[in-house]
Amino acid sequence: MTHEQQVRELYGGCYRRLVAQLFAFCGDLQEAEDAVQEAFVRAVAKPRQFARVDNPEAWLRTVAVNVVRRRYRRARMLSRIVSSGAAPVVVPDLSADHVAIVAALRRLPPEQREAIALHHVADLGVRQIAELLGVPEGTVKARLARGRAKLAPLVDDLADEPTGPDERAESAEPAREADHA
């Protein structure tokens, strides 16, 4: 199997999963897709380095996370120079729950959002997150604890709100039955 065939097979197997993880990480679907695509481009461009990787998916995730973080730093610098209005985020083909969770994650500080997304969406352990972000394990644990504490009320609020006509109808039926009983 050639290097490009190996990358193509890996792309088919983990592209969507990596995009979902990066979307939770950064809160921007287009940015997540771009970062994951950039990681795959780098894998193709560096065949020798990529061939020595023990866990190709983890390598791709690390590259994609670093791409997002670098772009975030650059965007932050640019926003200091030029103020601009934010356009509403439109996310096609994702469940309402996924979009709501990402919206709640976007309300967290970036460091906490990164830790929460990598731990709960990418299913990485504390040690892996620490290595990926270049911070001590204790820092990751603190970010997870603080992020969970800030996220809990946001997610509870979302869970209480009906999201669609089916759910509204289901939540209304017990009240109707109680009225007729």
Protein backbone atom coordinates (compact mmCIF):
# COMPACT_ATOMS: atom_id res chain seq x y z
CA MET A 1 0.00 0.00 0.00
CA THR A 2 1.40 3.37 -0.97
CA HIS A 3 1.61 6.30 1.43
CA GLU A 4 -1.17 8.16 -0.37
CA GLN A 5 -3.42 5.08 -0.27
CA GLN A 6 -2.79 4.76 3.46
CA VAL A 7 -3.71 8.42 4.01
CA ARG A 8 -6.78 8.05 1.78
CA GLU A 9 -7.95 5.05 3.83
CA LEU A 10 -7.33 6.92 7.07
CA TYR A 11 -9.25 9.90 5.68
CA GLY A 12 -12.27 7.69 5.02
CA GLY A 13 -12.07 6.19 8.49
CA CYS A 14 -11.58 9.19 10.74
CA TYR A 15 -12.21 12.47 8.88
CA ARG A 16 -15.78 12.96 10.18
CA ARG A 17 -14.80 12.01 13.74
CA LEU A 18 -11.89 14.47 13.72
CA VAL A 19 -14.08 17.25 12.31
CA ALA A 20 -16.68 16.65 15.06
CA GLN A 21 -13.95 16.75 17.71
CA LEU A 22 -12.40 19.92 16.32
CA PHE A 23 -15.84 21.54 15.95
CA ALA A 24 -16.41 21.03 19.66
CA PHE A 25 -12.90 22.31 20.29
CA CYS A 26 -13.19 25.55 18.33
CA GLY A 27 -16.95 26.08 17.85
CA ASP A 28 -16.65 26.79 14.13
CA LEU A 29 -17.51 24.03 11.67
CA GLN A 30 -15.67 25.59 8.73
CA GLU A 31 -12.57 26.14 10.87
CA ALA A 32 -12.75 22.52 12.08
CA GLU A 33 -13.02 21.20 8.53
CA ASP A 34 -10.16 23.41 7.33
CA ALA A 35 -7.90 22.36 10.20
CA VAL A 36 -8.53 18.64 9.67
CA GLN A 37 -7.97 19.01 5.93
CA GLU A 38 -4.71 20.87 6.64
CA ALA A 39 -3.62 17.99 8.88
CA PHE A 40 -4.23 15.49 6.07
CA VAL A 41 -2.35 17.70 3.60
CA ARG A 42 0.63 17.72 5.97
CA ALA A 43 0.43 13.94 6.31
CA VAL A 44 0.66 13.59 2.53
CA ALA A 45 3.41 16.21 2.30
CA LYS A 46 5.58 14.53 4.97
CA PRO A 47 5.47 10.82 4.14
CA ARG A 48 8.62 9.87 6.07
CA GLN A 49 7.55 11.65 9.24
CA PHE A 50 4.01 10.30 8.99
CA ALA A 51 5.24 6.72 8.41
CA ARG A 52 7.04 6.80 11.79
CA VAL A 53 3.90 7.84 13.70
CA ASP A 54 2.56 5.22 16.13
CA ASN A 55 -1.02 6.58 16.16
CA PRO A 56 -1.87 8.34 12.88
CA GLU A 57 -5.26 9.62 14.07
CA ALA A 58 -3.72 11.17 17.18
CA TRP A 59 -1.03 12.79 15.01
CA LEU A 60 -3.70 14.24 12.71
CA ARG A 61 -5.69 15.51 15.71
CA THR A 62 -2.58 17.16 17.18
CA VAL A 63 -1.77 18.88 13.89
CA ALA A 64 -5.39 20.03 13.48
CA VAL A 65 -5.55 21.37 17.06
CA ASN A 66 -2.31 23.27 16.52
CA VAL A 67 -3.68 24.71 13.26
CA VAL A 68 -6.81 25.95 15.07
CA ARG A 69 -4.80 27.38 17.97
CA ARG A 70 -2.41 29.20 15.60
CA ARG A 71 -5.31 30.63 13.61
CA TYR A 72 -7.07 31.65 16.82
CA ARG A 73 -3.98 33.54 18.01
CA ARG A 74 -3.69 35.27 14.64
CA ALA A 75 -7.38 36.17 14.60
CA ARG A 76 -7.12 37.56 18.11
CA MET A 77 -4.21 39.75 17.03
CA LEU A 78 -6.16 40.92 14.00
CA SER A 79 -9.27 41.67 16.05
CA ARG A 80 -7.18 43.93 18.26
CA ILE A 81 -6.25 45.88 15.16
CA VAL A 82 -9.57 45.85 13.37
CA SER A 83 -12.94 45.66 15.10
CA SER A 84 -15.59 43.77 13.20
CA GLY A 85 -19.14 42.50 13.79
CA ALA A 86 -19.59 38.78 14.19
CA ALA A 87 -21.88 37.02 11.74
CA PRO A 88 -24.28 34.39 13.08
CA VAL A 89 -22.97 30.84 12.90
CA VAL A 90 -24.93 28.51 10.64
CA VAL A 91 -24.18 24.82 11.11
CA PRO A 92 -25.77 22.47 8.56
CA ASP A 93 -26.40 18.74 9.06
CA LEU A 94 -25.73 18.59 12.80
CA SER A 95 -28.20 17.58 15.49
CA ALA A 96 -29.78 20.32 17.56
CA ASP A 97 -28.18 18.82 20.67
CA HIS A 98 -24.69 18.95 19.14
CA VAL A 99 -25.17 22.56 18.08
CA ALA A 100 -26.54 23.47 21.52
CA ILE A 101 -23.58 21.85 23.28
CA VAL A 102 -21.12 23.66 21.02
CA ALA A 103 -22.97 26.93 21.67
CA ALA A 104 -22.60 26.31 25.41
CA LEU A 105 -18.92 25.42 24.94
CA ARG A 106 -18.36 28.70 23.07
CA ARG A 107 -19.37 30.54 26.24
CA LEU A 108 -16.40 29.05 28.11
CA PRO A 109 -12.91 30.56 28.09
CA PRO A 110 -10.83 29.01 25.26
CA GLU A 111 -8.54 27.02 27.58
CA GLN A 112 -11.49 25.39 29.35
CA ARG A 113 -13.32 24.77 26.07
CA GLU A 114 -10.22 23.06 24.63
CA ALA A 115 -9.86 20.78 27.65
CA ILE A 116 -13.58 19.87 27.73
CA ALA A 117 -13.72 19.18 23.98
CA LEU A 118 -10.57 17.07 23.94
CA HIS A 119 -11.61 15.08 27.00
CA HIS A 120 -15.33 14.55 26.37
CA VAL A 121 -15.58 14.73 22.58
CA ALA A 122 -12.18 13.45 21.44
CA ASP A 123 -12.12 11.04 24.42
CA LEU A 124 -8.53 11.86 25.36
CA GLY A 125 -7.12 11.30 28.82
CA VAL A 126 -5.66 14.03 31.00
CA ARG A 127 -2.08 13.02 30.17
CA GLN A 128 -2.77 13.06 26.42
CA ILE A 129 -4.41 16.49 26.63
CA ALA A 130 -1.49 17.83 28.67
CA GLU A 131 0.99 16.59 26.04
CA LEU A 132 -1.13 17.92 23.17
CA LEU A 133 -1.54 21.39 24.69
CA GLY A 134 1.92 21.55 26.25
CA VAL A 135 0.69 22.17 29.81
CA PRO A 136 1.02 20.22 33.09
CA GLU A 137 -1.57 17.55 33.90
CA GLY A 138 -2.71 19.56 36.93
CA THR A 139 -3.52 22.47 34.63
CA VAL A 140 -5.67 20.20 32.46
CA LYS A 141 -7.48 18.88 35.54
CA ALA A 142 -8.14 22.42 36.76
CA ARG A 143 -9.41 23.51 33.33
CA LEU A 144 -11.70 20.48 33.17
CA ALA A 145 -13.11 21.14 36.66
CA ARG A 146 -13.66 24.84 36.03
CA GLY A 147 -15.08 24.21 32.57
CA ARG A 148 -17.51 21.57 33.83
CA ALA A 149 -18.64 23.89 36.62
CA LYS A 150 -19.34 26.70 34.13
CA LEU A 151 -20.85 24.36 31.54
CA ALA A 152 -23.26 22.52 33.88
CA PRO A 153 -25.84 25.32 34.25
CA LEU A 154 -25.67 26.08 30.53
CA VAL A 155 -26.34 22.46 29.58
CA ASP A 156 -29.09 22.10 32.24
CA ASP A 157 -30.82 25.15 30.73
CA LEU A 158 -30.62 23.56 27.27
CA ALA A 159 -31.96 20.22 28.51
CA ASP A 160 -35.07 21.92 29.95
CA GLU A 161 -36.01 23.62 26.66
CA PRO A 162 -37.98 21.64 24.03
CA THR A 163 -35.97 21.65 20.79
CA GLY A 164 -38.52 20.60 18.20
CA PRO A 165 -42.21 19.98 17.51
CA ASP A 166 -42.00 16.27 18.49
CA GLU A 167 -40.41 17.03 21.84
CA ARG A 168 -42.87 19.87 22.54
CA ALA A 169 -45.78 17.53 21.78
CA GLU A 170 -44.37 14.79 24.03
CA SER A 171 -43.79 17.21 26.90
CA ALA A 172 -47.32 18.61 26.52
CA GLU A 173 -49.19 15.27 26.48
CA PRO A 174 -48.70 14.36 30.15
CA ALA A 175 -50.15 17.72 31.12
CA ARG A 176 -53.21 17.11 28.92
CA GLU A 177 -53.70 13.64 30.36
CA ALA A 178 -53.51 15.05 33.88
CA ASP A 179 -56.16 17.65 32.98
CA HIS A 180 -58.54 14.92 31.79
CA ALA A 181 -57.94 12.56 34.71
